[in-house]
């Protein structure tokens, strides 16, 4: 089932998902979990020089939180 999303953006603390800057947030999906993981890895590699950029795989049940 396609119920995983990739959320990417700039963060004030790149180790915590909750610190994402809302004006930089982009949501991709829905995907299967494995496909979402691959897309997140690609986005991370694409933005490797930006310390504050992260991409996270999030289940659809956790999007509203």
C-alpha atoms as a PDB file:
ATOM      1  CA  UNK A   1       0.000   0.000   0.000  1.00  0.00           C
ATOM      2  CA  UNK A   2       1.207   3.470  -0.846  1.00  0.00           C
ATOM      3  CA  UNK A   3       1.033   5.210   2.500  1.00  0.00           C
ATOM      4  CA  UNK A   4       4.487   6.703   3.021  1.00  0.00           C
ATOM      5  CA  UNK A   5       5.594  10.238   2.230  1.00  0.00           C
ATOM      6  CA  UNK A   6       8.972  11.939   1.964  1.00  0.00           C
ATOM      7  CA  UNK A   7       9.170  15.287   3.740  1.00  0.00           C
ATOM      8  CA  UNK A   8      12.197  17.450   2.960  1.00  0.00           C
ATOM      9  CA  UNK A   9      13.329  20.892   3.983  1.00  0.00           C
ATOM     10  CA  UNK A  10      15.642  23.060   6.020  1.00  0.00           C
ATOM     11  CA  UNK A  11      15.803  22.597   9.800  1.00  0.00           C
ATOM     12  CA  UNK A  12      17.019  24.691  12.706  1.00  0.00           C
ATOM     13  CA  UNK A  13      18.232  21.421  14.274  1.00  0.00           C
ATOM     14  CA  UNK A  14      18.775  18.869  11.482  1.00  0.00           C
ATOM     15  CA  UNK A  15      18.560  15.947  13.911  1.00  0.00           C
ATOM     16  CA  UNK A  16      14.940  16.676  14.868  1.00  0.00           C
ATOM     17  CA  UNK A  17      12.046  16.445  12.417  1.00  0.00           C
ATOM     18  CA  UNK A  18       9.935  18.923  14.389  1.00  0.00           C
ATOM     19  CA  UNK A  19      12.395  21.779  13.723  1.00  0.00           C
ATOM     20  CA  UNK A  20      11.624  21.930   9.984  1.00  0.00           C
ATOM     21  CA  UNK A  21      11.146  25.453   8.668  1.00  0.00           C
ATOM     22  CA  UNK A  22       7.597  25.392   7.280  1.00  0.00           C
ATOM     23  CA  UNK A  23       8.407  27.754   4.401  1.00  0.00           C
ATOM     24  CA  UNK A  24      10.979  25.227   3.067  1.00  0.00           C
ATOM     25  CA  UNK A  25       8.912  22.064   3.617  1.00  0.00           C
ATOM     26  CA  UNK A  26       8.109  19.918   0.563  1.00  0.00           C
ATOM     27  CA  UNK A  27       5.995  16.750   0.667  1.00  0.00           C
ATOM     28  CA  UNK A  28       6.458  13.995  -1.933  1.00  0.00           C
ATOM     29  CA  UNK A  29       4.246  10.943  -2.241  1.00  0.00           C
ATOM     30  CA  UNK A  30       2.473   8.710  -1.495  1.00  0.00           C
ATOM     31  CA  UNK A  31       4.907   5.843  -2.081  1.00  0.00           C
ATOM     32  CA  UNK A  32       5.574   2.316  -0.945  1.00  0.00           C
ATOM     33  CA  UNK A  33       7.972   2.330   2.030  1.00  0.00           C
ATOM     34  CA  UNK A  34      10.948   1.056   0.025  1.00  0.00           C
ATOM     35  CA  UNK A  35      10.409   3.611  -2.758  1.00  0.00           C
ATOM     36  CA  UNK A  36      10.031   6.431  -0.207  1.00  0.00           C
ATOM     37  CA  UNK A  37      13.300   5.391   1.427  1.00  0.00           C
ATOM     38  CA  UNK A  38      15.106   5.457  -1.919  1.00  0.00           C
ATOM     39  CA  UNK A  39      13.715   8.909  -2.762  1.00  0.00           C
ATOM     40  CA  UNK A  40      14.733  10.242   0.665  1.00  0.00           C
ATOM     41  CA  UNK A  41      18.266   8.889   0.188  1.00  0.00           C
ATOM     42  CA  UNK A  42      18.459  10.580  -3.207  1.00  0.00           C
ATOM     43  CA  UNK A  43      17.316  13.917  -1.789  1.00  0.00           C
ATOM     44  CA  UNK A  44      19.832  13.652   1.044  1.00  0.00           C
ATOM     45  CA  UNK A  45      22.643  12.930  -1.430  1.00  0.00           C
ATOM     46  CA  UNK A  46      21.517  15.768  -3.708  1.00  0.00           C
ATOM     47  CA  UNK A  47      21.705  18.223  -0.799  1.00  0.00           C
ATOM     48  CA  UNK A  48      24.794  16.769   0.900  1.00  0.00           C
ATOM     49  CA  UNK A  49      26.501  20.177   1.156  1.00  0.00           C
ATOM     50  CA  UNK A  50      23.592  21.749   3.055  1.00  0.00           C
ATOM     51  CA  UNK A  51      23.993  20.708   6.710  1.00  0.00           C
ATOM     52  CA  UNK A  52      20.505  21.940   7.658  1.00  0.00           C
ATOM     53  CA  UNK A  53      18.620  20.116   4.866  1.00  0.00           C
ATOM     54  CA  UNK A  54      17.052  16.757   5.666  1.00  0.00           C
ATOM     55  CA  UNK A  55      14.589  14.332   4.104  1.00  0.00           C
ATOM     56  CA  UNK A  56      12.402  12.089   6.249  1.00  0.00           C
ATOM     57  CA  UNK A  57      10.177   9.106   5.461  1.00  0.00           C
ATOM     58  CA  UNK A  58       6.868   9.501   7.268  1.00  0.00           C
ATOM     59  CA  UNK A  59       3.898   7.154   7.374  1.00  0.00           C
ATOM     60  CA  UNK A  60       0.532   8.645   6.456  1.00  0.00           C
ATOM     61  CA  UNK A  61      -0.699   7.987  10.012  1.00  0.00           C
ATOM     62  CA  UNK A  62       2.013  10.343  11.343  1.00  0.00           C
ATOM     63  CA  UNK A  63       1.396  13.230   8.915  1.00  0.00           C
ATOM     64  CA  UNK A  64      -1.293  14.841  11.042  1.00  0.00           C
ATOM     65  CA  UNK A  65       0.928  14.860  14.137  1.00  0.00           C
END
